[in-house]
Amino acid sequence: MPTFGQKNLPSQQVPFVDVVQGFLTKFGIDYLNSLFQQATTLAATVSTGLVATGTTQGTALALTTDWNDFATVAANTGGILQALAAGQTQEVFNGGANALKVYPPVGCQIDALGANAAYSLATNKRQIFKFSTATQIRSTQLG
């Protein structure tokens, strides 16, 4: 039996399409499903041990991964979210000793805080920041 993977095509004697009925064969369906699964299974990017920096939106640490885990948070320091498209998310965990300022990208707003205002993330809390539009971010806190 042929295997289906990124580089393993079925042998030539296994038809993808039933030439009589004009439909995909089981092998054709399985192969296309395997390609679809590979294309839609993406690993999240993760940064751990982050150190919060800056005391303003312009000097905060730029967050560049899907999951961002802070280990060190001095008073009044923070990170700034990436500018993402609607439907995309970034998660932030504050494992530091102080509240973490999470800034939106320039010109954006988190919840109803106002443009460019920081969200204060309490210690030992995780927050999901989801872009509902290019400039509006909705957030959900997890324990």
N, C-alpha and C. Protein backbone atom coordinates (compact mmCIF):
# COMPACT_ATOMS: atom_id res chain seq x y z
N MET A 1 0.85 -1.19 0.00
CA MET A 1 0.00 0.00 0.00
C MET A 1 0.89 1.24 0.00
N PRO A 2 0.63 2.21 -0.85
CA PRO A 2 1.46 3.40 -0.91
C PRO A 2 1.26 4.27 0.33
N THR A 3 2.28 5.02 0.68
CA THR A 3 2.15 5.98 1.78
C THR A 3 1.91 7.35 1.19
N PHE A 4 1.25 8.18 1.97
CA PHE A 4 0.91 9.51 1.49
C PHE A 4 1.58 10.52 2.39
N GLY A 5 2.44 11.31 1.84
CA GLY A 5 3.13 12.33 2.61
C GLY A 5 3.64 13.40 1.68
N GLN A 6 4.40 14.30 2.25
CA GLN A 6 4.87 15.44 1.49
C GLN A 6 5.69 15.01 0.28
N LYS A 7 6.51 13.96 0.40
CA LYS A 7 7.37 13.55 -0.70
C LYS A 7 7.06 12.15 -1.19
N ASN A 8 6.02 11.52 -0.68
CA ASN A 8 5.71 10.14 -1.03
C ASN A 8 4.45 10.06 -1.87
N LEU A 9 4.62 10.14 -3.16
CA LEU A 9 3.48 10.03 -4.06
C LEU A 9 3.13 8.56 -4.27
N PRO A 10 1.85 8.27 -4.50
CA PRO A 10 1.48 6.88 -4.80
C PRO A 10 2.18 6.43 -6.08
N SER A 11 2.40 5.14 -6.19
CA SER A 11 3.01 4.62 -7.40
C SER A 11 2.09 4.88 -8.58
N GLN A 12 2.63 4.86 -9.78
CA GLN A 12 1.87 5.25 -10.96
C GLN A 12 0.68 4.34 -11.24
N GLN A 13 0.73 3.07 -10.83
CA GLN A 13 -0.39 2.19 -11.12
C GLN A 13 -1.61 2.46 -10.23
N VAL A 14 -1.50 3.31 -9.21
CA VAL A 14 -2.63 3.65 -8.36
C VAL A 14 -3.29 4.91 -8.92
N PRO A 15 -4.49 4.79 -9.46
CA PRO A 15 -5.12 5.97 -10.07
C PRO A 15 -5.68 6.94 -9.02
N PHE A 16 -5.53 8.22 -9.28
CA PHE A 16 -6.13 9.25 -8.44
C PHE A 16 -7.60 9.43 -8.79
N VAL A 17 -7.92 9.21 -10.05
CA VAL A 17 -9.29 9.43 -10.55
C VAL A 17 -9.77 8.16 -11.23
N ASP A 18 -11.00 7.78 -10.91
CA ASP A 18 -11.62 6.65 -11.60
C ASP A 18 -12.02 7.18 -12.98
N VAL A 19 -11.34 6.70 -14.04
CA VAL A 19 -11.55 7.23 -15.38
C VAL A 19 -12.92 6.91 -15.95
N VAL A 20 -13.57 5.88 -15.43
CA VAL A 20 -14.90 5.52 -15.91
C VAL A 20 -15.95 6.46 -15.34
N GLN A 21 -15.89 6.68 -14.01
CA GLN A 21 -16.90 7.52 -13.36
C GLN A 21 -16.49 8.98 -13.22
N GLY A 22 -15.19 9.25 -13.33
CA GLY A 22 -14.72 10.64 -13.26
C GLY A 22 -14.61 11.18 -11.85
N PHE A 23 -14.60 10.29 -10.85
CA PHE A 23 -14.49 10.71 -9.45
C PHE A 23 -13.12 10.35 -8.90
N LEU A 24 -12.72 11.04 -7.82
CA LEU A 24 -11.48 10.68 -7.13
C LEU A 24 -11.60 9.27 -6.55
N THR A 25 -10.52 8.53 -6.61
CA THR A 25 -10.48 7.22 -5.96
C THR A 25 -10.18 7.43 -4.48
N LYS A 26 -10.26 6.36 -3.69
CA LYS A 26 -9.89 6.45 -2.27
C LYS A 26 -8.45 6.93 -2.14
N PHE A 27 -7.55 6.45 -2.98
CA PHE A 27 -6.16 6.90 -2.93
C PHE A 27 -6.05 8.39 -3.23
N GLY A 28 -6.80 8.87 -4.20
CA GLY A 28 -6.79 10.28 -4.53
C GLY A 28 -7.31 11.14 -3.38
N ILE A 29 -8.40 10.70 -2.77
CA ILE A 29 -8.97 11.42 -1.63
C ILE A 29 -8.00 11.43 -0.46
N ASP A 30 -7.42 10.27 -0.14
CA ASP A 30 -6.46 10.18 0.97
C ASP A 30 -5.26 11.08 0.74
N TYR A 31 -4.76 11.09 -0.49
CA TYR A 31 -3.60 11.91 -0.79
C TYR A 31 -3.92 13.40 -0.63
N LEU A 32 -5.03 13.84 -1.18
CA LEU A 32 -5.41 15.25 -1.06
C LEU A 32 -5.67 15.63 0.40
N ASN A 33 -6.29 14.73 1.16
CA ASN A 33 -6.51 15.00 2.59
C ASN A 33 -5.19 15.14 3.33
N SER A 34 -4.20 14.31 3.00
CA SER A 34 -2.90 14.40 3.67
C SER A 34 -2.22 15.72 3.35
N LEU A 35 -2.33 16.18 2.11
CA LEU A 35 -1.75 17.48 1.74
C LEU A 35 -2.45 18.62 2.48
N PHE A 36 -3.78 18.54 2.57
CA PHE A 36 -4.54 19.57 3.27
C PHE A 36 -4.15 19.61 4.74
N GLN A 37 -4.02 18.46 5.37
CA GLN A 37 -3.65 18.41 6.78
C GLN A 37 -2.27 19.01 7.01
N GLN A 38 -1.32 18.72 6.14
CA GLN A 38 0.02 19.29 6.27
C GLN A 38 -0.01 20.80 6.09
N ALA A 39 -0.84 21.27 5.19
CA ALA A 39 -0.90 22.70 4.91
C ALA A 39 -1.57 23.47 6.02
N THR A 40 -2.47 22.84 6.79
CA THR A 40 -3.23 23.55 7.81
C THR A 40 -2.71 23.32 9.21
N THR A 41 -1.72 22.47 9.39
CA THR A 41 -1.16 22.22 10.71
C THR A 41 0.09 23.07 10.88
N LEU A 42 -0.07 24.18 11.56
CA LEU A 42 1.05 25.09 11.77
C LEU A 42 1.40 25.11 13.25
N ALA A 43 2.66 25.06 13.55
CA ALA A 43 3.11 25.14 14.94
C ALA A 43 3.16 26.60 15.37
N ALA A 44 2.73 26.84 16.60
CA ALA A 44 2.79 28.19 17.14
C ALA A 44 4.24 28.52 17.48
N THR A 45 4.59 29.78 17.33
CA THR A 45 5.92 30.23 17.73
C THR A 45 5.85 30.68 19.18
N VAL A 46 6.91 30.39 19.93
CA VAL A 46 6.91 30.64 21.38
C VAL A 46 8.21 31.31 21.79
N SER A 47 8.10 32.33 22.66
CA SER A 47 9.27 32.95 23.29
C SER A 47 9.10 32.83 24.79
N THR A 48 10.12 32.32 25.47
CA THR A 48 10.07 32.18 26.92
C THR A 48 11.22 32.97 27.54
N GLY A 49 11.10 33.23 28.83
CA GLY A 49 12.16 33.93 29.55
C GLY A 49 12.31 35.38 29.16
N LEU A 50 11.24 35.99 28.65
CA LEU A 50 11.32 37.38 28.20
C LEU A 50 11.52 38.34 29.37
N VAL A 51 12.18 39.45 29.08
CA VAL A 51 12.41 40.51 30.06
C VAL A 51 11.72 41.76 29.54
N ALA A 52 10.77 42.28 30.31
CA ALA A 52 10.05 43.50 29.92
C ALA A 52 11.00 44.67 29.89
N THR A 53 10.80 45.57 28.91
CA THR A 53 11.67 46.74 28.78
C THR A 53 10.83 48.00 28.58
N GLY A 54 11.46 49.13 28.76
CA GLY A 54 10.83 50.41 28.46
C GLY A 54 9.66 50.75 29.35
N THR A 55 9.33 52.02 29.36
CA THR A 55 8.19 52.49 30.15
C THR A 55 7.16 53.20 29.28
N THR A 56 7.34 53.11 27.95
CA THR A 56 6.40 53.72 27.01
C THR A 56 6.15 52.75 25.86
N GLN A 57 5.15 53.05 25.07
CA GLN A 57 4.85 52.23 23.90
C GLN A 57 6.06 52.17 22.96
N GLY A 58 6.78 53.24 22.82
CA GLY A 58 7.93 53.29 21.91
C GLY A 58 9.16 52.56 22.40
N THR A 59 9.24 52.29 23.71
CA THR A 59 10.44 51.62 24.24
C THR A 59 10.15 50.22 24.79
N ALA A 60 8.91 49.78 24.70
CA ALA A 60 8.54 48.45 25.20
C ALA A 60 9.14 47.36 24.30
N LEU A 61 9.32 46.18 24.88
CA LEU A 61 9.86 45.04 24.13
C LEU A 61 8.90 44.62 23.02
N ALA A 62 9.40 44.52 21.79
CA ALA A 62 8.58 44.08 20.66
C ALA A 62 8.30 42.59 20.77
N LEU A 63 7.02 42.21 20.76
CA LEU A 63 6.62 40.80 20.86
C LEU A 63 6.47 40.25 19.45
N THR A 64 7.24 39.22 19.12
CA THR A 64 7.30 38.74 17.75
C THR A 64 6.80 37.33 17.56
N THR A 65 6.31 36.68 18.62
CA THR A 65 5.86 35.30 18.51
C THR A 65 4.39 35.18 18.91
N ASP A 66 3.82 34.00 18.66
CA ASP A 66 2.42 33.77 19.01
C ASP A 66 2.21 33.76 20.53
N TRP A 67 3.11 33.06 21.23
CA TRP A 67 3.04 32.97 22.70
C TRP A 67 4.27 33.65 23.27
N ASN A 68 4.05 34.55 24.22
CA ASN A 68 5.13 35.34 24.80
C ASN A 68 5.08 35.21 26.32
N ASP A 69 6.07 34.53 26.89
CA ASP A 69 6.11 34.29 28.34
C ASP A 69 7.21 35.15 28.97
N PHE A 70 6.78 36.07 29.84
CA PHE A 70 7.72 36.96 30.53
C PHE A 70 8.15 36.34 31.84
N ALA A 71 9.46 36.38 32.09
CA ALA A 71 10.02 35.88 33.35
C ALA A 71 10.38 37.03 34.27
N THR A 72 10.76 38.17 33.68
CA THR A 72 11.22 39.31 34.46
C THR A 72 10.45 40.56 34.06
N VAL A 73 9.78 41.15 35.05
CA VAL A 73 9.00 42.37 34.81
C VAL A 73 9.29 43.36 35.93
N ALA A 74 10.10 44.37 35.64
CA ALA A 74 10.34 45.46 36.59
C ALA A 74 9.13 46.38 36.57
N ALA A 75 8.99 47.21 37.59
CA ALA A 75 7.85 48.12 37.68
C ALA A 75 7.76 49.01 36.45
N ASN A 76 6.57 49.15 35.92
CA ASN A 76 6.23 50.03 34.79
C ASN A 76 6.87 49.65 33.47
N THR A 77 7.32 48.41 33.30
CA THR A 77 7.90 47.98 32.03
C THR A 77 6.88 47.14 31.26
N GLY A 78 7.17 46.91 29.97
CA GLY A 78 6.19 46.18 29.19
C GLY A 78 6.67 45.64 27.87
N GLY A 79 5.68 45.23 27.08
CA GLY A 79 5.91 44.71 25.73
C GLY A 79 4.86 45.28 24.80
N ILE A 80 5.14 45.28 23.51
CA ILE A 80 4.20 45.81 22.52
C ILE A 80 3.84 44.70 21.54
N LEU A 81 2.55 44.55 21.31
CA LEU A 81 2.04 43.53 20.39
C LEU A 81 2.44 43.84 18.95
N GLN A 82 2.48 42.80 18.14
CA GLN A 82 2.71 42.97 16.71
C GLN A 82 1.47 43.56 16.06
N ALA A 83 1.63 44.22 14.94
CA ALA A 83 0.49 44.65 14.14
C ALA A 83 0.04 43.43 13.34
N LEU A 84 -1.14 42.92 13.65
CA LEU A 84 -1.64 41.71 13.01
C LEU A 84 -2.91 41.98 12.23
N ALA A 85 -3.31 41.03 11.43
CA ALA A 85 -4.55 41.14 10.64
C ALA A 85 -5.73 40.68 11.50
N ALA A 86 -6.92 41.08 11.10
CA ALA A 86 -8.14 40.66 11.81
C ALA A 86 -8.18 39.14 11.88
N GLY A 87 -8.50 38.64 13.08
CA GLY A 87 -8.59 37.20 13.30
C GLY A 87 -7.33 36.59 13.87
N GLN A 88 -6.21 37.29 13.83
CA GLN A 88 -4.97 36.76 14.38
C GLN A 88 -4.85 37.10 15.87
N THR A 89 -4.07 36.30 16.59
CA THR A 89 -3.92 36.49 18.03
C THR A 89 -2.47 36.43 18.47
N GLN A 90 -2.24 37.02 19.63
CA GLN A 90 -0.99 36.87 20.37
C GLN A 90 -1.37 36.64 21.81
N GLU A 91 -0.61 35.77 22.49
CA GLU A 91 -0.84 35.51 23.91
C GLU A 91 0.35 36.00 24.69
N VAL A 92 0.06 36.50 25.90
CA VAL A 92 1.12 37.01 26.76
C VAL A 92 0.90 36.45 28.16
N PHE A 93 1.97 35.92 28.77
CA PHE A 93 1.93 35.45 30.16
C PHE A 93 2.91 36.29 30.97
N ASN A 94 2.45 36.76 32.12
CA ASN A 94 3.29 37.54 33.01
C ASN A 94 3.73 36.68 34.19
N GLY A 95 4.96 36.20 34.13
CA GLY A 95 5.52 35.44 35.23
C GLY A 95 6.46 36.28 36.08
N GLY A 96 6.42 37.59 35.89
CA GLY A 96 7.29 38.50 36.64
C GLY A 96 6.70 38.90 37.97
N ALA A 97 7.43 39.77 38.67
CA ALA A 97 7.04 40.20 40.01
C ALA A 97 6.10 41.40 40.02
N ASN A 98 5.94 42.07 38.87
CA ASN A 98 5.11 43.27 38.79
C ASN A 98 4.13 43.14 37.64
N ALA A 99 3.12 44.03 37.65
CA ALA A 99 2.17 44.07 36.54
C ALA A 99 2.94 44.41 35.26
N LEU A 100 2.54 43.80 34.15
CA LEU A 100 3.18 44.00 32.86
C LEU A 100 2.32 44.90 32.00
N LYS A 101 2.91 45.95 31.44
CA LYS A 101 2.18 46.80 30.51
C LYS A 101 2.25 46.16 29.13
N VAL A 102 1.09 45.84 28.56
CA VAL A 102 1.02 45.29 27.21
C VAL A 102 0.43 46.38 26.31
N TYR A 103 1.26 46.88 25.41
CA TYR A 103 0.84 47.97 24.53
C TYR A 103 0.32 47.41 23.22
N PRO A 104 -0.68 48.10 22.64
CA PRO A 104 -1.12 47.73 21.28
C PRO A 104 -0.13 48.32 20.28
N PRO A 105 -0.16 47.85 19.04
CA PRO A 105 0.65 48.53 18.01
C PRO A 105 0.21 49.99 17.91
N VAL A 106 1.07 50.84 17.42
CA VAL A 106 0.77 52.27 17.31
C VAL A 106 -0.53 52.48 16.53
N GLY A 107 -1.43 53.28 17.11
CA GLY A 107 -2.71 53.60 16.48
C GLY A 107 -3.80 52.59 16.77
N CYS A 108 -3.51 51.56 17.53
CA CYS A 108 -4.50 50.52 17.84
C CYS A 108 -5.02 50.68 19.26
N GLN A 109 -6.08 49.92 19.56
CA GLN A 109 -6.72 50.00 20.87
C GLN A 109 -7.01 48.60 21.39
N ILE A 110 -6.71 48.35 22.66
CA ILE A 110 -7.07 47.10 23.33
C ILE A 110 -8.37 47.33 24.09
N ASP A 111 -9.36 46.51 23.82
CA ASP A 111 -10.68 46.63 24.45
C ASP A 111 -11.16 48.08 24.35
N ALA A 112 -11.53 48.71 25.46
CA ALA A 112 -12.01 50.10 25.42
C ALA A 112 -11.03 51.05 26.08
N LEU A 113 -9.74 50.70 26.08
CA LEU A 113 -8.74 51.51 26.79
C LEU A 113 -8.36 52.79 26.06
N GLY A 114 -8.66 52.90 24.79
CA GLY A 114 -8.27 54.07 24.02
C GLY A 114 -7.02 53.76 23.19
N ALA A 115 -6.85 54.51 22.14
CA ALA A 115 -5.72 54.29 21.22
C ALA A 115 -4.39 54.40 21.96
N ASN A 116 -3.52 53.44 21.73
CA ASN A 116 -2.15 53.41 22.25
C ASN A 116 -2.03 53.18 23.75
N ALA A 117 -3.14 52.98 24.46
CA ALA A 117 -3.10 52.77 25.92
C ALA A 117 -2.69 51.34 26.24
N ALA A 118 -1.88 51.19 27.28
CA ALA A 118 -1.40 49.88 27.70
C ALA A 118 -2.45 49.13 28.52
N TYR A 119 -2.46 47.82 28.33
CA TYR A 119 -3.26 46.93 29.17
C TYR A 119 -2.34 46.48 30.31
N SER A 120 -2.82 46.54 31.54
CA SER A 120 -2.02 46.13 32.69
C SER A 120 -2.32 44.66 33.01
N LEU A 121 -1.35 43.79 32.74
CA LEU A 121 -1.52 42.35 32.97
C LEU A 121 -0.91 41.98 34.31
N ALA A 122 -1.75 41.51 35.21
CA ALA A 122 -1.32 41.14 36.56
C ALA A 122 -0.33 39.97 36.51
N THR A 123 0.45 39.85 37.57
CA THR A 123 1.43 38.78 37.64
C THR A 123 0.73 37.41 37.68
N ASN A 124 1.37 36.42 37.05
CA ASN A 124 0.86 35.05 36.95
C ASN A 124 -0.48 34.94 36.22
N LYS A 125 -0.69 35.82 35.27
CA LYS A 125 -1.90 35.78 34.43
C LYS A 125 -1.49 35.70 32.97
N ARG A 126 -2.36 35.07 32.18
CA ARG A 126 -2.17 34.98 30.73
C ARG A 126 -3.33 35.71 30.06
N GLN A 127 -3.02 36.48 29.03
CA GLN A 127 -4.01 37.24 28.29
C GLN A 127 -3.91 36.89 26.82
N ILE A 128 -5.06 36.67 26.20
CA ILE A 128 -5.13 36.44 24.76
C ILE A 128 -5.58 37.75 24.12
N PHE A 129 -4.82 38.22 23.15
CA PHE A 129 -5.14 39.45 22.44
C PHE A 129 -5.50 39.08 21.00
N LYS A 130 -6.77 39.27 20.65
CA LYS A 130 -7.25 38.90 19.32
C LYS A 130 -7.65 40.17 18.56
N PHE A 131 -7.11 40.28 17.35
CA PHE A 131 -7.42 41.44 16.52
C PHE A 131 -8.78 41.21 15.86
N SER A 132 -9.76 42.05 16.21
CA SER A 132 -11.06 41.94 15.55
C SER A 132 -11.08 42.76 14.26
N THR A 133 -10.25 43.80 14.22
CA THR A 133 -9.97 44.56 13.00
C THR A 133 -8.48 44.88 13.03
N ALA A 134 -8.01 45.61 12.06
CA ALA A 134 -6.59 45.96 12.04
C ALA A 134 -6.20 46.91 13.17
N THR A 135 -7.20 47.59 13.77
CA THR A 135 -6.89 48.56 14.83
C THR A 135 -7.59 48.29 16.16
N GLN A 136 -8.48 47.32 16.21
CA GLN A 136 -9.20 47.00 17.45
C GLN A 136 -8.82 45.61 17.94
N ILE A 137 -8.37 45.53 19.18
CA ILE A 137 -7.96 44.27 19.79
C ILE A 137 -8.90 43.95 20.92
N ARG A 138 -9.42 42.73 20.95
CA ARG A 138 -10.26 42.24 22.05
C ARG A 138 -9.40 41.27 22.86
N SER A 139 -9.55 41.31 24.18
CA SER A 139 -8.71 40.44 24.99
C SER A 139 -9.53 39.57 25.94
N THR A 140 -8.93 38.46 26.31
CA THR A 140 -9.54 37.51 27.24
C THR A 140 -8.45 37.08 28.20
N GLN A 141 -8.76 37.12 29.49
CA GLN A 141 -7.76 36.74 30.50
C GLN A 141 -7.97 35.30 30.93
N LEU A 142 -6.86 34.59 31.05
CA LEU A 142 -6.86 33.22 31.57
C LEU A 142 -6.05 33.21 32.85
N GLY A 143 -6.47 32.37 33.80
CA GLY A 143 -5.79 32.30 35.10
C GLY A 143 -4.42 31.75 35.05
